[in-house]
């Protein structure tokens, strides 16, 4: 589709009843079948690809929807690609799982508050402790699969065959602020990479340990991990030297893993509020925002900014009004130091 957008060609809209099988394939097979149906005239309507793309963008600007995922990319990089074509994600798009007429995919999710591992003096990040916590989370989520109540047999069948779990984060922006790192800085980029390397490594290591005791999940054979292909391999990325990936791959080649999926950075729109963290991997979009609860609406100030301004004796009624007048931005307030504006 995007090649046609780029070259300003037409796009054919098709009915699955008249043009069956498109949802069951991806990549070159999809393209071949799609072009075959086009040549046979089995489309309902043809539109300019760019016109359709403009309408999608307009809808996203005005409503936030539709949520966009790309079928080829999802299937190409999924550890469940050996099961068949993956056709959909969950609502928030953080996890894509295989489904079929006799299997309903299940999400088994938990988030880690990554800001909690910043040292008290705000100078270092405790990756070892993060790894320990993620290992506990991995074991707990794996156990949930066995003890959970399933309202439908199709859901139970899917969950127990593939044993997917999804570990996400909250408070990444809070971690950057605590360590005095601008969100778009090179230091924040490196910390972000190493946080997720640690989470992925810990989850893989624990899943491998579980497989050594209980065996790999039922549909493990043929998946990318069974061939020594991890996520960073599928993305063409070389990890840092924080953890020994070769040693972990050796253990996986011997024992396999207990879970088909491991990481799924979910939005944490509700759970992040419990610890007062910013959501998921998102930056702070404003320093003043409205929180709606059952008892009413309340204006909330970014508590990091409030503490920093209070520590420097800059927080007062005038400052509060200036921040509000700037719609939550502090970039144009002259009394605020640049080091605070940067973070």
C-alpha atoms as a PDB file:
ATOM      1  CA  UNK A   1       0.000   0.000   0.000  1.00  0.00           C
ATOM      2  CA  UNK A   2       2.687   2.520   0.955  1.00  0.00           C
ATOM      3  CA  UNK A   3       4.598   1.861  -2.241  1.00  0.00           C
ATOM      4  CA  UNK A   4       1.424   2.883  -4.054  1.00  0.00           C
ATOM      5  CA  UNK A   5       1.074   5.953  -1.859  1.00  0.00           C
ATOM      6  CA  UNK A   6       4.668   6.866  -2.670  1.00  0.00           C
ATOM      7  CA  UNK A   7       4.158   6.411  -6.416  1.00  0.00           C
ATOM      8  CA  UNK A   8       0.641   7.956  -6.422  1.00  0.00           C
ATOM      9  CA  UNK A   9      -1.122   4.837  -7.738  1.00  0.00           C
ATOM     10  CA  UNK A  10      -4.605   3.471  -7.131  1.00  0.00           C
ATOM     11  CA  UNK A  11      -5.609   1.128  -4.308  1.00  0.00           C
ATOM     12  CA  UNK A  12      -8.294  -1.514  -4.724  1.00  0.00           C
ATOM     13  CA  UNK A  13     -10.884  -2.009  -1.995  1.00  0.00           C
ATOM     14  CA  UNK A  14     -11.960  -5.641  -1.766  1.00  0.00           C
ATOM     15  CA  UNK A  15     -14.682  -7.680  -0.081  1.00  0.00           C
ATOM     16  CA  UNK A  16     -13.418 -10.773   1.796  1.00  0.00           C
ATOM     17  CA  UNK A  17     -16.325 -12.782   0.379  1.00  0.00           C
ATOM     18  CA  UNK A  18     -15.428 -11.958  -3.227  1.00  0.00           C
ATOM     19  CA  UNK A  19     -11.655 -12.013  -2.645  1.00  0.00           C
ATOM     20  CA  UNK A  20     -10.985 -14.641   0.041  1.00  0.00           C
ATOM     21  CA  UNK A  21      -7.658 -15.521   1.618  1.00  0.00           C
ATOM     22  CA  UNK A  22      -6.053 -12.091   1.861  1.00  0.00           C
ATOM     23  CA  UNK A  23      -6.282 -12.074   5.660  1.00  0.00           C
ATOM     24  CA  UNK A  24      -4.516 -15.446   5.801  1.00  0.00           C
ATOM     25  CA  UNK A  25      -1.265 -14.380   4.164  1.00  0.00           C
ATOM     26  CA  UNK A  26       1.310 -11.607   4.300  1.00  0.00           C
ATOM     27  CA  UNK A  27       4.413 -10.409   2.492  1.00  0.00           C
ATOM     28  CA  UNK A  28       5.032 -11.636  -1.076  1.00  0.00           C
ATOM     29  CA  UNK A  29       2.151 -14.140  -0.863  1.00  0.00           C
ATOM     30  CA  UNK A  30      -0.288 -11.342  -0.010  1.00  0.00           C
ATOM     31  CA  UNK A  31       1.019  -9.146  -2.814  1.00  0.00           C
ATOM     32  CA  UNK A  32       0.740 -11.948  -5.371  1.00  0.00           C
ATOM     33  CA  UNK A  33      -2.831 -12.812  -4.352  1.00  0.00           C
ATOM     34  CA  UNK A  34      -3.865  -9.147  -4.160  1.00  0.00           C
ATOM     35  CA  UNK A  35      -2.531  -8.393  -7.640  1.00  0.00           C
ATOM     36  CA  UNK A  36      -4.186 -11.559  -8.980  1.00  0.00           C
ATOM     37  CA  UNK A  37      -7.563 -10.397  -7.682  1.00  0.00           C
ATOM     38  CA  UNK A  38      -6.935  -6.944  -9.153  1.00  0.00           C
ATOM     39  CA  UNK A  39      -6.165  -8.388 -12.570  1.00  0.00           C
ATOM     40  CA  UNK A  40      -9.399 -10.390 -12.382  1.00  0.00           C
ATOM     41  CA  UNK A  41     -11.373  -7.269 -11.475  1.00  0.00           C
ATOM     42  CA  UNK A  42     -12.422  -8.722  -8.120  1.00  0.00           C
ATOM     43  CA  UNK A  43     -12.531  -5.429  -6.278  1.00  0.00           C
ATOM     44  CA  UNK A  44     -15.459  -3.363  -5.065  1.00  0.00           C
ATOM     45  CA  UNK A  45     -13.940   0.021  -5.778  1.00  0.00           C
ATOM     46  CA  UNK A  46     -10.636   1.686  -6.617  1.00  0.00           C
ATOM     47  CA  UNK A  47      -9.398   4.902  -5.017  1.00  0.00           C
ATOM     48  CA  UNK A  48      -6.235   6.947  -5.127  1.00  0.00           C
ATOM     49  CA  UNK A  49      -3.879   5.549  -2.489  1.00  0.00           C
ATOM     50  CA  UNK A  50      -2.889   9.060  -1.421  1.00  0.00           C
ATOM     51  CA  UNK A  51      -6.519  10.145  -1.030  1.00  0.00           C
ATOM     52  CA  UNK A  52      -7.158   7.201   1.277  1.00  0.00           C
ATOM     53  CA  UNK A  53      -3.997   7.997   3.252  1.00  0.00           C
ATOM     54  CA  UNK A  54      -5.085  11.636   3.669  1.00  0.00           C
ATOM     55  CA  UNK A  55      -8.431  10.488   5.061  1.00  0.00           C
ATOM     56  CA  UNK A  56      -6.685   8.145   7.505  1.00  0.00           C
ATOM     57  CA  UNK A  57      -4.384  10.951   8.681  1.00  0.00           C
ATOM     58  CA  UNK A  58      -7.294  13.385   9.006  1.00  0.00           C
ATOM     59  CA  UNK A  59      -9.219  10.893  11.116  1.00  0.00           C
ATOM     60  CA  UNK A  60      -6.200  10.289  13.359  1.00  0.00           C
ATOM     61  CA  UNK A  61      -5.702  14.016  13.893  1.00  0.00           C
ATOM     62  CA  UNK A  62      -9.365  14.582  14.743  1.00  0.00           C
ATOM     63  CA  UNK A  63     -10.212  11.412  16.687  1.00  0.00           C
ATOM     64  CA  UNK A  64      -6.988   9.532  17.450  1.00  0.00           C
ATOM     65  CA  UNK A  65      -8.203   6.568  15.415  1.00  0.00           C
ATOM     66  CA  UNK A  66      -7.718   4.329  13.548  1.00  0.00           C
ATOM     67  CA  UNK A  67      -4.807   2.740  15.403  1.00  0.00           C
ATOM     68  CA  UNK A  68      -2.300   1.701  12.756  1.00  0.00           C
ATOM     69  CA  UNK A  69      -0.238  -1.478  12.754  1.00  0.00           C
ATOM     70  CA  UNK A  70       1.490  -3.066   9.793  1.00  0.00           C
ATOM     71  CA  UNK A  71       0.752  -6.701   9.089  1.00  0.00           C
ATOM     72  CA  UNK A  72       4.022  -7.567   7.346  1.00  0.00           C
ATOM     73  CA  UNK A  73       6.173  -6.009  10.075  1.00  0.00           C
ATOM     74  CA  UNK A  74       4.171  -7.689  12.849  1.00  0.00           C
ATOM     75  CA  UNK A  75       4.386 -11.140  11.283  1.00  0.00           C
ATOM     76  CA  UNK A  76       8.002 -10.800  10.226  1.00  0.00           C
ATOM     77  CA  UNK A  77       9.145  -9.971  13.767  1.00  0.00           C
ATOM     78  CA  UNK A  78       6.796 -12.185  15.809  1.00  0.00           C
ATOM     79  CA  UNK A  79       8.011 -15.225  17.701  1.00  0.00           C
ATOM     80  CA  UNK A  80       4.618 -16.793  16.925  1.00  0.00           C
ATOM     81  CA  UNK A  81       5.121 -16.614  13.156  1.00  0.00           C
ATOM     82  CA  UNK A  82       5.500 -20.408  13.006  1.00  0.00           C
ATOM     83  CA  UNK A  83       1.842 -20.813  14.039  1.00  0.00           C
ATOM     84  CA  UNK A  84       0.342 -19.071  11.020  1.00  0.00           C
ATOM     85  CA  UNK A  85      -0.570 -15.575   9.894  1.00  0.00           C
ATOM     86  CA  UNK A  86      -1.226 -13.164  12.755  1.00  0.00           C
ATOM     87  CA  UNK A  87      -4.238 -11.054  11.813  1.00  0.00           C
ATOM     88  CA  UNK A  88      -4.789  -8.636  14.675  1.00  0.00           C
ATOM     89  CA  UNK A  89      -3.524  -7.100  17.885  1.00  0.00           C
ATOM     90  CA  UNK A  90      -5.205  -6.296  21.153  1.00  0.00           C
ATOM     91  CA  UNK A  91      -6.990  -2.946  21.509  1.00  0.00           C
ATOM     92  CA  UNK A  92      -3.937  -0.960  22.621  1.00  0.00           C
ATOM     93  CA  UNK A  93      -1.689  -2.598  19.982  1.00  0.00           C
ATOM     94  CA  UNK A  94       1.131  -3.542  22.353  1.00  0.00           C
ATOM     95  CA  UNK A  95       0.832  -7.273  21.678  1.00  0.00           C
ATOM     96  CA  UNK A  96       0.076  -9.244  18.517  1.00  0.00           C
ATOM     97  CA  UNK A  97      -0.905 -12.882  18.946  1.00  0.00           C
ATOM     98  CA  UNK A  98      -1.978 -15.749  16.742  1.00  0.00           C
ATOM     99  CA  UNK A  99      -5.692 -16.529  16.631  1.00  0.00           C
ATOM    100  CA  UNK A 100      -7.743 -19.160  14.831  1.00  0.00           C
ATOM    101  CA  UNK A 101     -11.354 -20.414  14.852  1.00  0.00           C
ATOM    102  CA  UNK A 102     -10.529 -22.711  17.783  1.00  0.00           C
ATOM    103  CA  UNK A 103      -8.138 -20.375  19.632  1.00  0.00           C
ATOM    104  CA  UNK A 104      -8.782 -16.998  21.278  1.00  0.00           C
ATOM    105  CA  UNK A 105      -5.551 -15.216  22.199  1.00  0.00           C
ATOM    106  CA  UNK A 106      -5.116 -14.034  25.794  1.00  0.00           C
ATOM    107  CA  UNK A 107      -3.017 -11.188  27.231  1.00  0.00           C
ATOM    108  CA  UNK A 108      -1.154 -11.872  30.496  1.00  0.00           C
ATOM    109  CA  UNK A 109       0.292  -8.457  31.294  1.00  0.00           C
ATOM    110  CA  UNK A 110       2.214  -6.621  34.017  1.00  0.00           C
ATOM    111  CA  UNK A 111       4.148  -3.358  34.082  1.00  0.00           C
ATOM    112  CA  UNK A 112       7.357  -2.462  35.921  1.00  0.00           C
ATOM    113  CA  UNK A 113       7.864   1.021  37.376  1.00  0.00           C
ATOM    114  CA  UNK A 114      11.307   1.649  35.915  1.00  0.00           C
ATOM    115  CA  UNK A 115      11.780   4.951  37.759  1.00  0.00           C
ATOM    116  CA  UNK A 116      12.050   3.009  41.027  1.00  0.00           C
ATOM    117  CA  UNK A 117      15.536   1.791  40.132  1.00  0.00           C
ATOM    118  CA  UNK A 118      17.175   5.222  40.037  1.00  0.00           C
ATOM    119  CA  UNK A 119      19.604   5.572  42.951  1.00  0.00           C
ATOM    120  CA  UNK A 120      18.720   7.911  45.819  1.00  0.00           C
ATOM    121  CA  UNK A 121      21.447  10.347  44.746  1.00  0.00           C
ATOM    122  CA  UNK A 122      20.095  10.255  41.175  1.00  0.00           C
ATOM    123  CA  UNK A 123      23.464   9.355  39.661  1.00  0.00           C
ATOM    124  CA  UNK A 124      23.162   5.653  38.797  1.00  0.00           C
ATOM    125  CA  UNK A 125      20.595   3.140  37.621  1.00  0.00           C
ATOM    126  CA  UNK A 126      20.323  -0.273  39.314  1.00  0.00           C
ATOM    127  CA  UNK A 127      20.070  -2.706  36.409  1.00  0.00           C
ATOM    128  CA  UNK A 128      20.792  -5.682  38.674  1.00  0.00           C
ATOM    129  CA  UNK A 129      17.763  -4.924  40.855  1.00  0.00           C
ATOM    130  CA  UNK A 130      15.618  -4.336  37.769  1.00  0.00           C
ATOM    131  CA  UNK A 131      16.639  -7.759  36.506  1.00  0.00           C
ATOM    132  CA  UNK A 132      15.695  -9.376  39.826  1.00  0.00           C
ATOM    133  CA  UNK A 133      12.245  -7.781  39.795  1.00  0.00           C
ATOM    134  CA  UNK A 134      11.567  -8.731  36.165  1.00  0.00           C
ATOM    135  CA  UNK A 135      12.485 -12.344  36.930  1.00  0.00           C
ATOM    136  CA  UNK A 136       9.847 -12.380  39.681  1.00  0.00           C
ATOM    137  CA  UNK A 137       7.291 -10.782  37.346  1.00  0.00           C
ATOM    138  CA  UNK A 138       8.034 -13.385  34.659  1.00  0.00           C
ATOM    139  CA  UNK A 139       7.507 -16.280  37.058  1.00  0.00           C
ATOM    140  CA  UNK A 140       4.289 -14.740  38.373  1.00  0.00           C
ATOM    141  CA  UNK A 141       2.804 -14.168  34.918  1.00  0.00           C
ATOM    142  CA  UNK A 142       3.740 -17.684  33.874  1.00  0.00           C
ATOM    143  CA  UNK A 143       1.954 -19.035  36.952  1.00  0.00           C
ATOM    144  CA  UNK A 144      -1.154 -16.980  36.186  1.00  0.00           C
ATOM    145  CA  UNK A 145      -1.564 -18.925  32.941  1.00  0.00           C
ATOM    146  CA  UNK A 146      -2.001 -22.143  34.944  1.00  0.00           C
ATOM    147  CA  UNK A 147      -4.207 -20.904  37.790  1.00  0.00           C
ATOM    148  CA  UNK A 148      -6.424 -18.453  35.910  1.00  0.00           C
ATOM    149  CA  UNK A 149     -10.146 -18.918  35.281  1.00  0.00           C
ATOM    150  CA  UNK A 150     -11.053 -19.156  31.602  1.00  0.00           C
ATOM    151  CA  UNK A 151     -14.620 -18.323  30.519  1.00  0.00           C
ATOM    152  CA  UNK A 152     -14.133 -20.024  27.139  1.00  0.00           C
ATOM    153  CA  UNK A 153     -12.262 -23.230  26.212  1.00  0.00           C
ATOM    154  CA  UNK A 154     -10.812 -21.512  23.128  1.00  0.00           C
ATOM    155  CA  UNK A 155      -9.078 -18.969  25.374  1.00  0.00           C
ATOM    156  CA  UNK A 156      -7.713 -21.654  27.691  1.00  0.00           C
ATOM    157  CA  UNK A 157      -6.453 -23.702  24.748  1.00  0.00           C
ATOM    158  CA  UNK A 158      -4.570 -20.759  23.273  1.00  0.00           C
ATOM    159  CA  UNK A 159      -3.087 -19.549  26.546  1.00  0.00           C
ATOM    160  CA  UNK A 160      -1.842 -22.950  27.678  1.00  0.00           C
ATOM    161  CA  UNK A 161      -0.463 -23.958  24.270  1.00  0.00           C
ATOM    162  CA  UNK A 162       1.534 -20.799  23.571  1.00  0.00           C
ATOM    163  CA  UNK A 163       1.917 -19.365  27.109  1.00  0.00           C
ATOM    164  CA  UNK A 164       2.407 -15.704  26.058  1.00  0.00           C
ATOM    165  CA  UNK A 165       3.192 -13.076  28.663  1.00  0.00           C
ATOM    166  CA  UNK A 166       3.627  -9.327  28.241  1.00  0.00           C
ATOM    167  CA  UNK A 167       5.908  -7.234  30.449  1.00  0.00           C
ATOM    168  CA  UNK A 168       5.724  -3.471  29.998  1.00  0.00           C
ATOM    169  CA  UNK A 169       6.918  -0.370  31.795  1.00  0.00           C
ATOM    170  CA  UNK A 170       5.649   2.799  33.387  1.00  0.00           C
ATOM    171  CA  UNK A 171       7.544   5.857  34.563  1.00  0.00           C
ATOM    172  CA  UNK A 172      10.254   5.949  31.886  1.00  0.00           C
ATOM    173  CA  UNK A 173       9.918   9.731  31.607  1.00  0.00           C
ATOM    174  CA  UNK A 174      10.101   9.920  35.410  1.00  0.00           C
ATOM    175  CA  UNK A 175      13.372   7.967  35.363  1.00  0.00           C
ATOM    176  CA  UNK A 176      14.856  10.420  32.862  1.00  0.00           C
ATOM    177  CA  UNK A 177      13.773  13.401  34.970  1.00  0.00           C
ATOM    178  CA  UNK A 178      15.186  11.880  38.161  1.00  0.00           C
ATOM    179  CA  UNK A 179      18.534  11.328  36.432  1.00  0.00           C
ATOM    180  CA  UNK A 180      18.454  14.832  34.916  1.00  0.00           C
ATOM    181  CA  UNK A 181      18.378  13.529  31.357  1.00  0.00           C
ATOM    182  CA  UNK A 182      16.436  15.426  28.674  1.00  0.00           C
ATOM    183  CA  UNK A 183      13.963  13.028  27.044  1.00  0.00           C
ATOM    184  CA  UNK A 184      15.619  13.350  23.621  1.00  0.00           C
ATOM    185  CA  UNK A 185      19.233  13.267  24.843  1.00  0.00           C
ATOM    186  CA  UNK A 186      21.857  10.653  23.952  1.00  0.00           C
ATOM    187  CA  UNK A 187      22.084   9.684  27.633  1.00  0.00           C
ATOM    188  CA  UNK A 188      18.345   9.024  27.813  1.00  0.00           C
ATOM    189  CA  UNK A 189      18.497   7.010  24.595  1.00  0.00           C
ATOM    190  CA  UNK A 190      21.219   4.768  26.025  1.00  0.00           C
ATOM    191  CA  UNK A 191      19.388   4.341  29.342  1.00  0.00           C
ATOM    192  CA  UNK A 192      16.190   3.489  27.476  1.00  0.00           C
ATOM    193  CA  UNK A 193      18.006   0.826  25.441  1.00  0.00           C
ATOM    194  CA  UNK A 194      19.663  -0.730  28.478  1.00  0.00           C
ATOM    195  CA  UNK A 195      16.451  -0.744  30.530  1.00  0.00           C
ATOM    196  CA  UNK A 196      14.666  -2.722  27.832  1.00  0.00           C
ATOM    197  CA  UNK A 197      17.694  -4.936  27.228  1.00  0.00           C
ATOM    198  CA  UNK A 198      17.624  -5.801  30.916  1.00  0.00           C
ATOM    199  CA  UNK A 199      13.893  -6.521  30.915  1.00  0.00           C
ATOM    200  CA  UNK A 200      14.143  -8.713  27.805  1.00  0.00           C
ATOM    201  CA  UNK A 201      17.230 -10.528  29.087  1.00  0.00           C
ATOM    202  CA  UNK A 202      15.689 -11.200  32.502  1.00  0.00           C
ATOM    203  CA  UNK A 203      12.420 -12.431  30.991  1.00  0.00           C
ATOM    204  CA  UNK A 204      14.228 -14.703  28.521  1.00  0.00           C
ATOM    205  CA  UNK A 205      16.550 -16.075  31.190  1.00  0.00           C
ATOM    206  CA  UNK A 206      13.655 -16.835  33.536  1.00  0.00           C
ATOM    207  CA  UNK A 207      11.541 -18.376  30.776  1.00  0.00           C
ATOM    208  CA  UNK A 208      14.508 -20.588  29.885  1.00  0.00           C
ATOM    209  CA  UNK A 209      14.890 -21.617  33.539  1.00  0.00           C
ATOM    210  CA  UNK A 210      11.192 -22.506  33.654  1.00  0.00           C
ATOM    211  CA  UNK A 211      11.561 -24.520  30.449  1.00  0.00           C
ATOM    212  CA  UNK A 212      14.462 -26.443  31.984  1.00  0.00           C
ATOM    213  CA  UNK A 213      12.109 -27.564  34.771  1.00  0.00           C
ATOM    214  CA  UNK A 214       8.762 -27.865  32.987  1.00  0.00           C
ATOM    215  CA  UNK A 215       9.670 -28.063  29.310  1.00  0.00           C
ATOM    216  CA  UNK A 216       9.203 -25.480  26.552  1.00  0.00           C
ATOM    217  CA  UNK A 217       5.717 -24.358  25.574  1.00  0.00           C
ATOM    218  CA  UNK A 218       3.761 -26.724  23.335  1.00  0.00           C
ATOM    219  CA  UNK A 219       4.250 -24.908  20.022  1.00  0.00           C
ATOM    220  CA  UNK A 220       7.913 -23.965  20.599  1.00  0.00           C
ATOM    221  CA  UNK A 221       9.322 -26.037  17.724  1.00  0.00           C
ATOM    222  CA  UNK A 222       9.943 -23.914  14.652  1.00  0.00           C
ATOM    223  CA  UNK A 223       9.615 -20.499  16.291  1.00  0.00           C
ATOM    224  CA  UNK A 224      12.428 -17.959  15.770  1.00  0.00           C
ATOM    225  CA  UNK A 225      13.760 -18.416  19.336  1.00  0.00           C
ATOM    226  CA  UNK A 226      14.081 -22.175  18.731  1.00  0.00           C
ATOM    227  CA  UNK A 227      16.424 -21.264  15.856  1.00  0.00           C
ATOM    228  CA  UNK A 228      18.514 -18.916  18.003  1.00  0.00           C
ATOM    229  CA  UNK A 229      16.824 -15.799  16.614  1.00  0.00           C
ATOM    230  CA  UNK A 230      15.914 -13.235  19.278  1.00  0.00           C
ATOM    231  CA  UNK A 231      14.091  -9.930  18.869  1.00  0.00           C
ATOM    232  CA  UNK A 232      17.229  -7.857  18.329  1.00  0.00           C
ATOM    233  CA  UNK A 233      18.254 -10.265  15.545  1.00  0.00           C
ATOM    234  CA  UNK A 234      14.935  -9.726  13.762  1.00  0.00           C
ATOM    235  CA  UNK A 235      15.401  -5.956  13.989  1.00  0.00           C
ATOM    236  CA  UNK A 236      19.042  -6.075  12.859  1.00  0.00           C
ATOM    237  CA  UNK A 237      20.255  -4.446  16.079  1.00  0.00           C
ATOM    238  CA  UNK A 238      23.376  -5.260  18.110  1.00  0.00           C
ATOM    239  CA  UNK A 239      22.781  -5.116  21.888  1.00  0.00           C
ATOM    240  CA  UNK A 240      25.159  -3.356  24.259  1.00  0.00           C
ATOM    241  CA  UNK A 241      27.636  -5.287  26.394  1.00  0.00           C
ATOM    242  CA  UNK A 242      25.509  -4.970  29.542  1.00  0.00           C
ATOM    243  CA  UNK A 243      24.506  -8.669  29.491  1.00  0.00           C
ATOM    244  CA  UNK A 244      26.001 -11.887  28.072  1.00  0.00           C
ATOM    245  CA  UNK A 245      23.606 -12.723  25.250  1.00  0.00           C
ATOM    246  CA  UNK A 246      25.726 -15.526  23.789  1.00  0.00           C
ATOM    247  CA  UNK A 247      25.650 -17.441  27.069  1.00  0.00           C
ATOM    248  CA  UNK A 248      21.880 -17.005  27.258  1.00  0.00           C
ATOM    249  CA  UNK A 249      21.456 -18.236  23.676  1.00  0.00           C
ATOM    250  CA  UNK A 250      23.456 -21.352  24.593  1.00  0.00           C
ATOM    251  CA  UNK A 251      21.098 -22.098  27.484  1.00  0.00           C
ATOM    252  CA  UNK A 252      18.046 -21.509  25.299  1.00  0.00           C
ATOM    253  CA  UNK A 253      19.390 -23.905  22.668  1.00  0.00           C
ATOM    254  CA  UNK A 254      19.528 -26.601  25.374  1.00  0.00           C
ATOM    255  CA  UNK A 255      16.253 -25.997  27.203  1.00  0.00           C
ATOM    256  CA  UNK A 256      14.064 -23.732  25.064  1.00  0.00           C
ATOM    257  CA  UNK A 257      11.736 -21.175  26.652  1.00  0.00           C
ATOM    258  CA  UNK A 258       8.455 -21.569  28.512  1.00  0.00           C
ATOM    259  CA  UNK A 259       6.688 -18.573  26.939  1.00  0.00           C
ATOM    260  CA  UNK A 260       6.151 -17.637  23.293  1.00  0.00           C
ATOM    261  CA  UNK A 261       5.992 -13.876  23.958  1.00  0.00           C
ATOM    262  CA  UNK A 262       7.673 -11.872  26.713  1.00  0.00           C
ATOM    263  CA  UNK A 263       7.560  -8.072  26.316  1.00  0.00           C
ATOM    264  CA  UNK A 264       4.547  -5.880  25.526  1.00  0.00           C
ATOM    265  CA  UNK A 265       4.870  -2.179  26.481  1.00  0.00           C
ATOM    266  CA  UNK A 266       1.239  -1.370  27.254  1.00  0.00           C
ATOM    267  CA  UNK A 267      -0.189   2.155  27.782  1.00  0.00           C
ATOM    268  CA  UNK A 268      -0.580   1.795  31.615  1.00  0.00           C
ATOM    269  CA  UNK A 269      -3.173   4.592  31.486  1.00  0.00           C
ATOM    270  CA  UNK A 270      -4.763   3.404  34.742  1.00  0.00           C
ATOM    271  CA  UNK A 271      -2.034   1.486  36.579  1.00  0.00           C
ATOM    272  CA  UNK A 272       0.536   4.294  36.308  1.00  0.00           C
ATOM    273  CA  UNK A 273      -1.744   6.477  38.435  1.00  0.00           C
ATOM    274  CA  UNK A 274      -1.342   4.108  41.389  1.00  0.00           C
ATOM    275  CA  UNK A 275       2.326   5.056  41.783  1.00  0.00           C
ATOM    276  CA  UNK A 276       1.959   8.577  40.395  1.00  0.00           C
ATOM    277  CA  UNK A 277       4.077   7.780  37.345  1.00  0.00           C
ATOM    278  CA  UNK A 278       3.843   9.020  33.806  1.00  0.00           C
ATOM    279  CA  UNK A 279       2.308   6.501  31.455  1.00  0.00           C
ATOM    280  CA  UNK A 280       4.329   3.765  29.767  1.00  0.00           C
ATOM    281  CA  UNK A 281       7.244   5.096  27.675  1.00  0.00           C
ATOM    282  CA  UNK A 282       5.515   8.427  27.031  1.00  0.00           C
ATOM    283  CA  UNK A 283       7.058  11.862  27.690  1.00  0.00           C
ATOM    284  CA  UNK A 284       5.215  14.394  29.821  1.00  0.00           C
ATOM    285  CA  UNK A 285       3.008  16.310  27.386  1.00  0.00           C
ATOM    286  CA  UNK A 286       2.239  19.082  29.872  1.00  0.00           C
ATOM    287  CA  UNK A 287       3.266  20.106  33.372  1.00  0.00           C
ATOM    288  CA  UNK A 288      -0.344  20.851  34.308  1.00  0.00           C
ATOM    289  CA  UNK A 289      -3.181  18.542  33.377  1.00  0.00           C
ATOM    290  CA  UNK A 290      -6.689  17.650  34.488  1.00  0.00           C
ATOM    291  CA  UNK A 291      -7.303  14.396  36.350  1.00  0.00           C
ATOM    292  CA  UNK A 292     -10.905  13.191  36.227  1.00  0.00           C
ATOM    293  CA  UNK A 293     -12.127  10.948  39.050  1.00  0.00           C
ATOM    294  CA  UNK A 294     -15.531  10.073  40.491  1.00  0.00           C
ATOM    295  CA  UNK A 295     -15.466  13.003  42.897  1.00  0.00           C
ATOM    296  CA  UNK A 296     -14.737  15.565  40.195  1.00  0.00           C
ATOM    297  CA  UNK A 297     -11.992  17.175  38.124  1.00  0.00           C
ATOM    298  CA  UNK A 298      -8.700  18.329  39.635  1.00  0.00           C
ATOM    299  CA  UNK A 299      -5.759  20.222  38.201  1.00  0.00           C
ATOM    300  CA  UNK A 300      -2.546  18.291  38.764  1.00  0.00           C
ATOM    301  CA  UNK A 301       0.980  19.707  38.570  1.00  0.00           C
ATOM    302  CA  UNK A 302       3.955  17.606  37.456  1.00  0.00           C
ATOM    303  CA  UNK A 303       5.271  16.588  40.877  1.00  0.00           C
ATOM    304  CA  UNK A 304       8.898  16.544  39.669  1.00  0.00           C
ATOM    305  CA  UNK A 305       8.628  20.153  38.523  1.00  0.00           C
ATOM    306  CA  UNK A 306       6.855  21.134  41.739  1.00  0.00           C
ATOM    307  CA  UNK A 307       9.640  19.601  43.861  1.00  0.00           C
ATOM    308  CA  UNK A 308      12.449  21.127  41.800  1.00  0.00           C
ATOM    309  CA  UNK A 309      10.909  24.601  41.880  1.00  0.00           C
ATOM    310  CA  UNK A 310      10.167  24.300  45.601  1.00  0.00           C
ATOM    311  CA  UNK A 311      13.751  23.192  46.328  1.00  0.00           C
ATOM    312  CA  UNK A 312      15.002  26.317  44.551  1.00  0.00           C
ATOM    313  CA  UNK A 313      12.459  28.601  46.253  1.00  0.00           C
ATOM    314  CA  UNK A 314      10.833  29.379  42.912  1.00  0.00           C
ATOM    315  CA  UNK A 315       7.370  27.949  43.514  1.00  0.00           C
ATOM    316  CA  UNK A 316       4.777  30.526  44.504  1.00  0.00           C
ATOM    317  CA  UNK A 317       1.412  31.843  43.360  1.00  0.00           C
ATOM    318  CA  UNK A 318       2.990  33.948  40.621  1.00  0.00           C
ATOM    319  CA  UNK A 319       4.920  30.973  39.236  1.00  0.00           C
ATOM    320  CA  UNK A 320       1.805  28.793  39.341  1.00  0.00           C
ATOM    321  CA  UNK A 321      -0.139  31.374  37.351  1.00  0.00           C
ATOM    322  CA  UNK A 322       2.695  31.704  34.823  1.00  0.00           C
ATOM    323  CA  UNK A 323       2.752  27.940  34.219  1.00  0.00           C
ATOM    324  CA  UNK A 324      -1.024  27.915  33.837  1.00  0.00           C
ATOM    325  CA  UNK A 325      -0.923  30.903  31.484  1.00  0.00           C
ATOM    326  CA  UNK A 326       1.550  28.977  29.305  1.00  0.00           C
ATOM    327  CA  UNK A 327      -0.789  25.954  29.216  1.00  0.00           C
ATOM    328  CA  UNK A 328       1.580  23.806  31.257  1.00  0.00           C
ATOM    329  CA  UNK A 329       4.767  24.696  29.385  1.00  0.00           C
ATOM    330  CA  UNK A 330       7.750  26.237  31.174  1.00  0.00           C
ATOM    331  CA  UNK A 331       9.898  26.940  28.103  1.00  0.00           C
ATOM    332  CA  UNK A 332       9.001  30.644  27.900  1.00  0.00           C
ATOM    333  CA  UNK A 333       9.094  31.463  31.616  1.00  0.00           C
ATOM    334  CA  UNK A 334      12.308  33.486  32.186  1.00  0.00           C
ATOM    335  CA  UNK A 335      12.628  32.773  35.929  1.00  0.00           C
ATOM    336  CA  UNK A 336      12.989  29.011  35.411  1.00  0.00           C
ATOM    337  CA  UNK A 337      16.619  27.863  34.882  1.00  0.00           C
ATOM    338  CA  UNK A 338      17.556  26.198  31.594  1.00  0.00           C
ATOM    339  CA  UNK A 339      18.581  22.924  33.254  1.00  0.00           C
ATOM    340  CA  UNK A 340      14.977  22.449  34.411  1.00  0.00           C
ATOM    341  CA  UNK A 341      13.571  23.481  31.050  1.00  0.00           C
ATOM    342  CA  UNK A 342      15.711  20.828  29.368  1.00  0.00           C
ATOM    343  CA  UNK A 343      14.265  17.964  31.393  1.00  0.00           C
END
